[in-house]
Protein backbone atom coordinates (compact mmCIF):
# COMPACT_ATOMS: atom_id res chain seq x y z
CA UNK A 1 138.82 109.37 103.87
CA UNK A 2 138.80 107.15 107.15
CA UNK A 3 136.32 103.65 106.82
CA UNK A 4 134.01 103.82 109.04
CA UNK A 5 133.78 100.12 110.94
CA UNK A 6 131.34 99.45 113.73
CA UNK A 7 132.71 96.76 116.02
CA UNK A 8 131.51 93.74 117.76
CA UNK A 9 131.93 94.12 121.71
CA UNK A 10 132.11 92.42 124.49
CA UNK A 11 132.83 94.48 126.94
CA UNK A 12 136.17 92.11 128.17
CA UNK A 13 139.70 92.65 128.19
CA UNK A 14 140.36 91.64 124.76
CA UNK A 15 136.96 94.12 122.94
CA UNK A 16 138.33 96.58 124.87
CA UNK A 17 141.85 95.88 122.81
CA UNK A 18 140.56 96.11 119.71
CA UNK A 19 138.61 98.69 119.95
CA UNK A 20 141.96 100.46 122.01
CA UNK A 21 144.32 99.80 119.03
CA UNK A 22 141.80 100.55 116.11
CA UNK A 23 141.01 104.17 117.79
CA UNK A 24 145.08 104.37 117.97
CA UNK A 25 145.04 103.62 113.86
CA UNK A 26 144.52 106.72 111.55
CA UNK A 27 142.41 104.43 108.26
CA UNK A 28 140.07 104.01 110.71
CA UNK A 29 137.16 105.44 112.51
CA UNK A 30 134.69 103.48 114.72
CA UNK A 31 130.99 104.59 115.23
CA UNK A 32 129.21 102.31 117.02
CA UNK A 33 129.53 98.96 119.65
CA UNK A 34 126.80 95.76 118.51
CA UNK A 35 127.19 93.47 121.74
CA UNK A 36 124.61 90.98 122.12
CA UNK A 37 122.30 90.21 124.35
CA UNK A 38 120.52 87.23 126.14
CA UNK A 39 116.51 87.33 128.51
CA UNK A 40 117.81 83.37 129.43
CA UNK A 41 120.54 84.83 131.13
CA UNK A 42 119.57 88.09 131.76
CA UNK A 43 122.29 90.17 130.08
């Protein structure tokens, strides 16, 4: 059974690489991406 994972996502190259590496593994299932937004920075 795969371990379900929620990945903290910044949108940068490190996040993209982490997602790619997790998706290649047979023991993890990425079930969602978590990102933060702030009103101060308009994101």
